[in-house]
């Protein structure tokens, strides 16, 4: 039963990441640095955003990972709502 749930979750996650998207770290440190505002600004520009937990580099928050199928993910730091405008 647990293995079936794990496999189903892995398939759903793979489907979500098959399309270009941006992962925004919205753990406590990211939120304190403005990650929620960054994610909202990206959505307003038409980006597909997935909020995720800690990305491990608190000093560089807000962090955004650009995921495009077939390419390695790119991690950007200090991404503010104004950075993309």
PDB file of N, CA and C in Angstrom:
ATOM      1  N   UNK A   1       0.817  -1.194   0.000  1.00  0.00           N
ATOM      2  CA  UNK A   1       0.000   0.000   0.000  1.00  0.00           C
ATOM      3  C   UNK A   1       0.869   1.270   0.000  1.00  0.00           C
ATOM      4  N   UNK A   2       1.837   1.312   0.899  1.00  0.00           N
ATOM      5  CA  UNK A   2       2.706   2.483   0.972  1.00  0.00           C
ATOM      6  C   UNK A   2       3.499   2.653  -0.321  1.00  0.00           C
ATOM      7  N   UNK A   3       3.979   1.562  -0.872  1.00  0.00           N
ATOM      8  CA  UNK A   3       4.755   1.640  -2.117  1.00  0.00           C
ATOM      9  C   UNK A   3       3.896   2.172  -3.268  1.00  0.00           C
ATOM     10  N   UNK A   4       2.630   1.775  -3.317  1.00  0.00           N
ATOM     11  CA  UNK A   4       1.719   2.269  -4.359  1.00  0.00           C
ATOM     12  C   UNK A   4       1.514   3.771  -4.222  1.00  0.00           C
ATOM     13  N   UNK A   5       1.348   4.240  -2.996  1.00  0.00           N
ATOM     14  CA  UNK A   5       1.189   5.682  -2.761  1.00  0.00           C
ATOM     15  C   UNK A   5       2.443   6.442  -3.162  1.00  0.00           C
ATOM     16  N   UNK A   6       3.599   5.884  -2.826  1.00  0.00           N
ATOM     17  CA  UNK A   6       4.870   6.521  -3.158  1.00  0.00           C
ATOM     18  C   UNK A   6       5.039   6.626  -4.674  1.00  0.00           C
ATOM     19  N   UNK A   7       4.714   5.548  -5.388  1.00  0.00           N
ATOM     20  CA  UNK A   7       4.839   5.554  -6.846  1.00  0.00           C
ATOM     21  C   UNK A   7       3.858   6.533  -7.483  1.00  0.00           C
ATOM     22  N   UNK A   8       2.643   6.608  -6.964  1.00  0.00           N
ATOM     23  CA  UNK A   8       1.650   7.549  -7.498  1.00  0.00           C
ATOM     24  C   UNK A   8       2.109   8.988  -7.279  1.00  0.00           C
ATOM     25  N   UNK A   9       2.659   9.267  -6.100  1.00  0.00           N
ATOM     26  CA  UNK A   9       3.153  10.615  -5.806  1.00  0.00           C
ATOM     27  C   UNK A   9       4.326  10.961  -6.726  1.00  0.00           C
ATOM     28  N   UNK A  10       5.216  10.013  -6.961  1.00  0.00           N
ATOM     29  CA  UNK A  10       6.365  10.256  -7.838  1.00  0.00           C
ATOM     30  C   UNK A  10       5.901  10.537  -9.267  1.00  0.00           C
ATOM     31  N   UNK A  11       4.877   9.820  -9.735  1.00  0.00           N
ATOM     32  CA  UNK A  11       4.348  10.078 -11.078  1.00  0.00           C
ATOM     33  C   UNK A  11       3.734  11.466 -11.173  1.00  0.00           C
ATOM     34  N   UNK A  12       2.958  11.857 -10.162  1.00  0.00           N
ATOM     35  CA  UNK A  12       2.339  13.199 -10.176  1.00  0.00           C
ATOM     36  C   UNK A  12       3.404  14.288 -10.162  1.00  0.00           C
ATOM     37  N   UNK A  13       4.440  14.107  -9.364  1.00  0.00           N
ATOM     38  CA  UNK A  13       5.510  15.108  -9.288  1.00  0.00           C
ATOM     39  C   UNK A  13       6.243  15.192 -10.625  1.00  0.00           C
ATOM     40  N   UNK A  14       6.514  14.055 -11.244  1.00  0.00           N
ATOM     41  CA  UNK A  14       7.196  14.044 -12.549  1.00  0.00           C
ATOM     42  C   UNK A  14       6.346  14.745 -13.604  1.00  0.00           C
ATOM     43  N   UNK A  15       5.036  14.553 -13.569  1.00  0.00           N
ATOM     44  CA  UNK A  15       4.151  15.229 -14.523  1.00  0.00           C
ATOM     45  C   UNK A  15       4.181  16.737 -14.309  1.00  0.00           C
ATOM     46  N   UNK A  16       4.196  17.172 -13.053  1.00  0.00           N
ATOM     47  CA  UNK A  16       4.220  18.617 -12.772  1.00  0.00           C
ATOM     48  C   UNK A  16       5.512  19.250 -13.248  1.00  0.00           C
ATOM     49  N   UNK A  17       6.615  18.508 -13.142  1.00  0.00           N
ATOM     50  CA  UNK A  17       7.911  19.068 -13.529  1.00  0.00           C
ATOM     51  C   UNK A  17       8.225  18.881 -15.007  1.00  0.00           C
ATOM     52  N   UNK A  18       7.372  18.190 -15.742  1.00  0.00           N
ATOM     53  CA  UNK A  18       7.604  17.996 -17.175  1.00  0.00           C
ATOM     54  C   UNK A  18       7.408  19.297 -17.945  1.00  0.00           C
ATOM     55  N   UNK A  19       6.570  20.185 -17.440  1.00  0.00           N
ATOM     56  CA  UNK A  19       6.343  21.489 -18.061  1.00  0.00           C
ATOM     57  C   UNK A  19       7.267  22.510 -17.399  1.00  0.00           C
ATOM     58  N   UNK A  20       7.689  23.546 -18.140  1.00  0.00           N
ATOM     59  CA  UNK A  20       8.537  24.578 -17.529  1.00  0.00           C
ATOM     60  C   UNK A  20       7.855  25.186 -16.306  1.00  0.00           C
ATOM     61  N   UNK A  21       8.635  25.335 -15.234  1.00  0.00           N
ATOM     62  CA  UNK A  21       8.076  25.920 -14.019  1.00  0.00           C
ATOM     63  C   UNK A  21       9.190  26.528 -13.178  1.00  0.00           C
ATOM     64  N   UNK A  22       8.770  27.259 -12.175  1.00  0.00           N
ATOM     65  CA  UNK A  22       9.697  27.869 -11.232  1.00  0.00           C
ATOM     66  C   UNK A  22       9.349  27.377  -9.836  1.00  0.00           C
ATOM     67  N   UNK A  23      10.353  26.870  -9.122  1.00  0.00           N
ATOM     68  CA  UNK A  23      10.173  26.456  -7.740  1.00  0.00           C
ATOM     69  C   UNK A  23      10.644  27.611  -6.866  1.00  0.00           C
ATOM     70  N   UNK A  24       9.772  28.093  -5.991  1.00  0.00           N
ATOM     71  CA  UNK A  24      10.118  29.208  -5.116  1.00  0.00           C
ATOM     72  C   UNK A  24      10.176  28.692  -3.683  1.00  0.00           C
ATOM     73  N   UNK A  25      11.326  28.877  -3.049  1.00  0.00           N
ATOM     74  CA  UNK A  25      11.492  28.439  -1.660  1.00  0.00           C
ATOM     75  C   UNK A  25      10.697  29.329  -0.725  1.00  0.00           C
ATOM     76  N   UNK A  26       9.660  28.745  -0.115  1.00  0.00           N
ATOM     77  CA  UNK A  26       8.789  29.540   0.763  1.00  0.00           C
ATOM     78  C   UNK A  26       8.773  29.008   2.191  1.00  0.00           C
ATOM     79  N   UNK A  27       9.920  28.494   2.636  1.00  0.00           N
ATOM     80  CA  UNK A  27      10.044  28.129   4.048  1.00  0.00           C
ATOM     81  C   UNK A  27      10.151  29.426   4.856  1.00  0.00           C
ATOM     82  N   UNK A  28      10.360  29.316   6.139  1.00  0.00           N
ATOM     83  CA  UNK A  28      10.364  30.491   7.019  1.00  0.00           C
ATOM     84  C   UNK A  28      11.335  31.573   6.565  1.00  0.00           C
ATOM     85  N   UNK A  29      12.572  31.188   6.233  1.00  0.00           N
ATOM     86  CA  UNK A  29      13.562  32.204   5.847  1.00  0.00           C
ATOM     87  C   UNK A  29      13.188  32.848   4.516  1.00  0.00           C
ATOM     88  N   UNK A  30      12.654  32.062   3.594  1.00  0.00           N
ATOM     89  CA  UNK A  30      12.220  32.615   2.313  1.00  0.00           C
ATOM     90  C   UNK A  30      11.075  33.594   2.486  1.00  0.00           C
ATOM     91  N   UNK A  31      10.120  33.232   3.323  1.00  0.00           N
ATOM     92  CA  UNK A  31       8.981  34.126   3.576  1.00  0.00           C
ATOM     93  C   UNK A  31       9.447  35.437   4.215  1.00  0.00           C
ATOM     94  N   UNK A  32      10.381  35.341   5.138  1.00  0.00           N
ATOM     95  CA  UNK A  32      10.893  36.542   5.796  1.00  0.00           C
ATOM     96  C   UNK A  32      11.605  37.462   4.812  1.00  0.00           C
ATOM     97  N   UNK A  33      12.185  36.876   3.759  1.00  0.00           N
ATOM     98  CA  UNK A  33      12.918  37.662   2.767  1.00  0.00           C
ATOM     99  C   UNK A  33      12.037  38.128   1.607  1.00  0.00           C
ATOM    100  N   UNK A  34      10.743  37.734   1.605  1.00  0.00           N
ATOM    101  CA  UNK A  34       9.836  38.216   0.565  1.00  0.00           C
ATOM    102  C   UNK A  34       9.488  37.210  -0.514  1.00  0.00           C
ATOM    103  N   UNK A  35       9.669  35.905  -0.248  1.00  0.00           N
ATOM    104  CA  UNK A  35       9.414  34.886  -1.263  1.00  0.00           C
ATOM    105  C   UNK A  35       7.953  34.842  -1.709  1.00  0.00           C
ATOM    106  N   UNK A  36       7.022  35.088  -0.795  1.00  0.00           N
ATOM    107  CA  UNK A  36       5.606  35.050  -1.186  1.00  0.00           C
ATOM    108  C   UNK A  36       5.287  36.173  -2.175  1.00  0.00           C
ATOM    109  N   UNK A  37       5.869  37.334  -1.953  1.00  0.00           N
ATOM    110  CA  UNK A  37       5.666  38.447  -2.881  1.00  0.00           C
ATOM    111  C   UNK A  37       6.337  38.160  -4.227  1.00  0.00           C
ATOM    112  N   UNK A  38       7.506  37.524  -4.181  1.00  0.00           N
ATOM    113  CA  UNK A  38       8.195  37.141  -5.416  1.00  0.00           C
ATOM    114  C   UNK A  38       7.355  36.143  -6.205  1.00  0.00           C
ATOM    115  N   UNK A  39       6.825  35.123  -5.521  1.00  0.00           N
ATOM    116  CA  UNK A  39       5.996  34.116  -6.189  1.00  0.00           C
ATOM    117  C   UNK A  39       4.758  34.762  -6.796  1.00  0.00           C
ATOM    118  N   UNK A  40       4.138  35.674  -6.081  1.00  0.00           N
ATOM    119  CA  UNK A  40       2.940  36.340  -6.591  1.00  0.00           C
ATOM    120  C   UNK A  40       3.260  37.175  -7.828  1.00  0.00           C
ATOM    121  N   UNK A  41       4.361  37.905  -7.788  1.00  0.00           N
ATOM    122  CA  UNK A  41       4.757  38.721  -8.943  1.00  0.00           C
ATOM    123  C   UNK A  41       5.031  37.842 -10.157  1.00  0.00           C
ATOM    124  N   UNK A  42       5.636  36.679  -9.935  1.00  0.00           N
ATOM    125  CA  UNK A  42       5.914  35.762 -11.047  1.00  0.00           C
ATOM    126  C   UNK A  42       4.611  35.221 -11.630  1.00  0.00           C
ATOM    127  N   UNK A  43       3.655  34.902 -10.765  1.00  0.00           N
ATOM    128  CA  UNK A  43       2.349  34.424 -11.250  1.00  0.00           C
ATOM    129  C   UNK A  43       1.647  35.505 -12.066  1.00  0.00           C
ATOM    130  N   UNK A  44       1.741  36.746 -11.608  1.00  0.00           N
ATOM    131  CA  UNK A  44       1.108  37.856 -12.322  1.00  0.00           C
ATOM    132  C   UNK A  44       1.702  38.041 -13.714  1.00  0.00           C
ATOM    133  N   UNK A  45       2.959  37.633 -13.889  1.00  0.00           N
ATOM    134  CA  UNK A  45       3.615  37.712 -15.198  1.00  0.00           C
ATOM    135  C   UNK A  45       3.345  36.469 -16.044  1.00  0.00           C
ATOM    136  N   UNK A  46       2.574  35.514 -15.508  1.00  0.00           N
ATOM    137  CA  UNK A  46       2.192  34.332 -16.263  1.00  0.00           C
ATOM    138  C   UNK A  46       3.057  33.104 -16.039  1.00  0.00           C
ATOM    139  N   UNK A  47       3.969  33.161 -15.078  1.00  0.00           N
ATOM    140  CA  UNK A  47       4.840  32.019 -14.815  1.00  0.00           C
ATOM    141  C   UNK A  47       4.094  30.944 -14.030  1.00  0.00           C
ATOM    142  N   UNK A  48       4.471  29.704 -14.265  1.00  0.00           N
ATOM    143  CA  UNK A  48       3.943  28.580 -13.489  1.00  0.00           C
ATOM    144  C   UNK A  48       4.848  28.412 -12.279  1.00  0.00           C
ATOM    145  N   UNK A  49       4.310  28.666 -11.094  1.00  0.00           N
ATOM    146  CA  UNK A  49       5.087  28.681  -9.857  1.00  0.00           C
ATOM    147  C   UNK A  49       4.631  27.546  -8.949  1.00  0.00           C
ATOM    148  N   UNK A  50       5.611  26.840  -8.375  1.00  0.00           N
ATOM    149  CA  UNK A  50       5.344  25.823  -7.358  1.00  0.00           C
ATOM    150  C   UNK A  50       6.089  26.248  -6.101  1.00  0.00           C
ATOM    151  N   UNK A  51       5.355  26.455  -5.023  1.00  0.00           N
ATOM    152  CA  UNK A  51       5.989  26.805  -3.755  1.00  0.00           C
ATOM    153  C   UNK A  51       6.538  25.544  -3.114  1.00  0.00           C
ATOM    154  N   UNK A  52       7.811  25.599  -2.712  1.00  0.00           N
ATOM    155  CA  UNK A  52       8.472  24.459  -2.075  1.00  0.00           C
ATOM    156  C   UNK A  52       9.055  24.914  -0.747  1.00  0.00           C
ATOM    157  N   UNK A  53       9.587  23.982   0.005  1.00  0.00           N
ATOM    158  CA  UNK A  53      10.168  24.286   1.309  1.00  0.00           C
ATOM    159  C   UNK A  53      11.586  24.821   1.196  1.00  0.00           C
ATOM    160  N   UNK A  54      12.373  24.500   2.184  1.00  0.00           N
ATOM    161  CA  UNK A  54      13.738  25.014   2.303  1.00  0.00           C
ATOM    162  C   UNK A  54      14.613  24.533   1.144  1.00  0.00           C
ATOM    163  N   UNK A  55      15.371  25.469   0.563  1.00  0.00           N
ATOM    164  CA  UNK A  55      16.324  25.137  -0.492  1.00  0.00           C
ATOM    165  C   UNK A  55      17.761  25.187   0.019  1.00  0.00           C
ATOM    166  N   UNK A  56      17.943  25.524   1.296  1.00  0.00           N
ATOM    167  CA  UNK A  56      19.232  25.378   1.950  1.00  0.00           C
ATOM    168  C   UNK A  56      20.227  26.513   1.872  1.00  0.00           C
ATOM    169  N   UNK A  57      19.871  27.629   1.291  1.00  0.00           N
ATOM    170  CA  UNK A  57      20.814  28.754   1.180  1.00  0.00           C
ATOM    171  C   UNK A  57      20.152  30.020   1.731  1.00  0.00           C
ATOM    172  N   UNK A  58      19.939  30.049   3.025  1.00  0.00           N
ATOM    173  CA  UNK A  58      19.184  31.138   3.652  1.00  0.00           C
ATOM    174  C   UNK A  58      19.757  32.521   3.339  1.00  0.00           C
ATOM    175  N   UNK A  59      21.058  32.621   3.206  1.00  0.00           N
ATOM    176  CA  UNK A  59      21.693  33.910   2.957  1.00  0.00           C
ATOM    177  C   UNK A  59      21.287  34.521   1.614  1.00  0.00           C
ATOM    178  N   UNK A  60      20.772  33.702   0.690  1.00  0.00           N
ATOM    179  CA  UNK A  60      20.463  34.166  -0.668  1.00  0.00           C
ATOM    180  C   UNK A  60      18.959  34.241  -0.940  1.00  0.00           C
ATOM    181  N   UNK A  61      18.144  34.145   0.086  1.00  0.00           N
ATOM    182  CA  UNK A  61      16.687  34.193  -0.107  1.00  0.00           C
ATOM    183  C   UNK A  61      16.260  35.544  -0.640  1.00  0.00           C
ATOM    184  N   UNK A  62      15.168  35.598  -1.367  1.00  0.00           N
ATOM    185  CA  UNK A  62      14.355  34.523  -1.904  1.00  0.00           C
ATOM    186  C   UNK A  62      15.066  33.760  -3.017  1.00  0.00           C
ATOM    187  N   UNK A  63      14.894  32.428  -2.992  1.00  0.00           N
ATOM    188  CA  UNK A  63      15.500  31.538  -3.975  1.00  0.00           C
ATOM    189  C   UNK A  63      14.463  31.033  -4.966  1.00  0.00           C
ATOM    190  N   UNK A  64      14.864  30.951  -6.225  1.00  0.00           N
ATOM    191  CA  UNK A  64      13.990  30.446  -7.278  1.00  0.00           C
ATOM    192  C   UNK A  64      14.777  29.461  -8.130  1.00  0.00           C
ATOM    193  N   UNK A  65      14.196  28.293  -8.375  1.00  0.00           N
ATOM    194  CA  UNK A  65      14.802  27.299  -9.256  1.00  0.00           C
ATOM    195  C   UNK A  65      13.990  27.284 -10.550  1.00  0.00           C
ATOM    196  N   UNK A  66      14.658  27.521 -11.668  1.00  0.00           N
ATOM    197  CA  UNK A  66      14.011  27.445 -12.980  1.00  0.00           C
ATOM    198  C   UNK A  66      14.172  26.021 -13.482  1.00  0.00           C
ATOM    199  N   UNK A  67      13.038  25.357 -13.801  1.00  0.00           N
ATOM    200  CA  UNK A  67      13.049  23.975 -14.289  1.00  0.00           C
ATOM    201  C   UNK A  67      12.464  23.924 -15.685  1.00  0.00           C
ATOM    202  N   UNK A  68      13.268  23.493 -16.635  1.00  0.00           N
ATOM    203  CA  UNK A  68      12.828  23.302 -18.009  1.00  0.00           C
ATOM    204  C   UNK A  68      13.234  21.891 -18.399  1.00  0.00           C
ATOM    205  N   UNK A  69      12.278  21.101 -18.845  1.00  0.00           N
ATOM    206  CA  UNK A  69      12.523  19.703 -19.190  1.00  0.00           C
ATOM    207  C   UNK A  69      13.686  19.586 -20.169  1.00  0.00           C
ATOM    208  N   UNK A  70      14.592  18.674 -19.880  1.00  0.00           N
ATOM    209  CA  UNK A  70      15.731  18.430 -20.752  1.00  0.00           C
ATOM    210  C   UNK A  70      16.950  19.280 -20.423  1.00  0.00           C
ATOM    211  N   UNK A  71      16.807  20.238 -19.524  1.00  0.00           N
ATOM    212  CA  UNK A  71      17.923  21.095 -19.124  1.00  0.00           C
ATOM    213  C   UNK A  71      18.159  20.960 -17.631  1.00  0.00           C
ATOM    214  N   UNK A  72      19.381  21.215 -17.163  1.00  0.00           N
ATOM    215  CA  UNK A  72      19.604  21.167 -15.718  1.00  0.00           C
ATOM    216  C   UNK A  72      18.881  22.333 -15.039  1.00  0.00           C
ATOM    217  N   UNK A  73      18.411  22.135 -13.813  1.00  0.00           N
ATOM    218  CA  UNK A  73      17.748  23.228 -13.110  1.00  0.00           C
ATOM    219  C   UNK A  73      18.745  24.345 -12.795  1.00  0.00           C
ATOM    220  N   UNK A  74      18.259  25.580 -12.803  1.00  0.00           N
ATOM    221  CA  UNK A  74      19.097  26.743 -12.482  1.00  0.00           C
ATOM    222  C   UNK A  74      18.566  27.386 -11.206  1.00  0.00           C
ATOM    223  N   UNK A  75      19.448  27.636 -10.255  1.00  0.00           N
ATOM    224  CA  UNK A  75      19.075  28.253  -8.987  1.00  0.00           C
ATOM    225  C   UNK A  75      19.472  29.725  -9.001  1.00  0.00           C
ATOM    226  N   UNK A  76      18.503  30.584  -8.738  1.00  0.00           N
ATOM    227  CA  UNK A  76      18.742  32.027  -8.672  1.00  0.00           C
ATOM    228  C   UNK A  76      18.504  32.501  -7.244  1.00  0.00           C
ATOM    229  N   UNK A  77      19.364  33.381  -6.763  1.00  0.00           N
ATOM    230  CA  UNK A  77      19.221  33.920  -5.418  1.00  0.00           C
ATOM    231  C   UNK A  77      18.877  35.386  -5.438  1.00  0.00           C
ATOM    232  N   UNK A  78      18.362  35.858  -4.296  1.00  0.00           N
ATOM    233  CA  UNK A  78      17.995  37.259  -4.112  1.00  0.00           C
ATOM    234  C   UNK A  78      17.007  37.732  -5.177  1.00  0.00           C
ATOM    235  N   UNK A  79      16.025  36.885  -5.480  1.00  0.00           N
ATOM    236  CA  UNK A  79      15.035  37.217  -6.504  1.00  0.00           C
ATOM    237  C   UNK A  79      13.901  37.989  -5.844  1.00  0.00           C
ATOM    238  N   UNK A  80      13.771  39.243  -6.212  1.00  0.00           N
ATOM    239  CA  UNK A  80      12.721  40.100  -5.662  1.00  0.00           C
ATOM    240  C   UNK A  80      11.635  40.301  -6.710  1.00  0.00           C
ATOM    241  N   UNK A  81      10.459  40.761  -6.302  1.00  0.00           N
ATOM    242  CA  UNK A  81       9.400  41.003  -7.283  1.00  0.00           C
ATOM    243  C   UNK A  81       9.840  41.965  -8.391  1.00  0.00           C
ATOM    244  N   UNK A  82      10.677  42.917  -8.079  1.00  0.00           N
ATOM    245  CA  UNK A  82      11.104  43.905  -9.068  1.00  0.00           C
ATOM    246  C   UNK A  82      12.170  43.346 -10.014  1.00  0.00           C
ATOM    247  N   UNK A  83      12.796  42.232  -9.689  1.00  0.00           N
ATOM    248  CA  UNK A  83      13.917  41.700 -10.494  1.00  0.00           C
ATOM    249  C   UNK A  83      13.485  41.327 -11.908  1.00  0.00           C
ATOM    250  N   UNK A  84      12.269  40.841 -12.066  1.00  0.00           N
ATOM    251  CA  UNK A  84      11.836  40.403 -13.379  1.00  0.00           C
ATOM    252  C   UNK A  84      11.061  41.439 -14.162  1.00  0.00           C
ATOM    253  N   UNK A  85      10.916  42.619 -13.618  1.00  0.00           N
ATOM    254  CA  UNK A  85      10.119  43.650 -14.306  1.00  0.00           C
ATOM    255  C   UNK A  85      10.989  44.714 -14.896  1.00  0.00           C
TER     256      UNK A  85
END
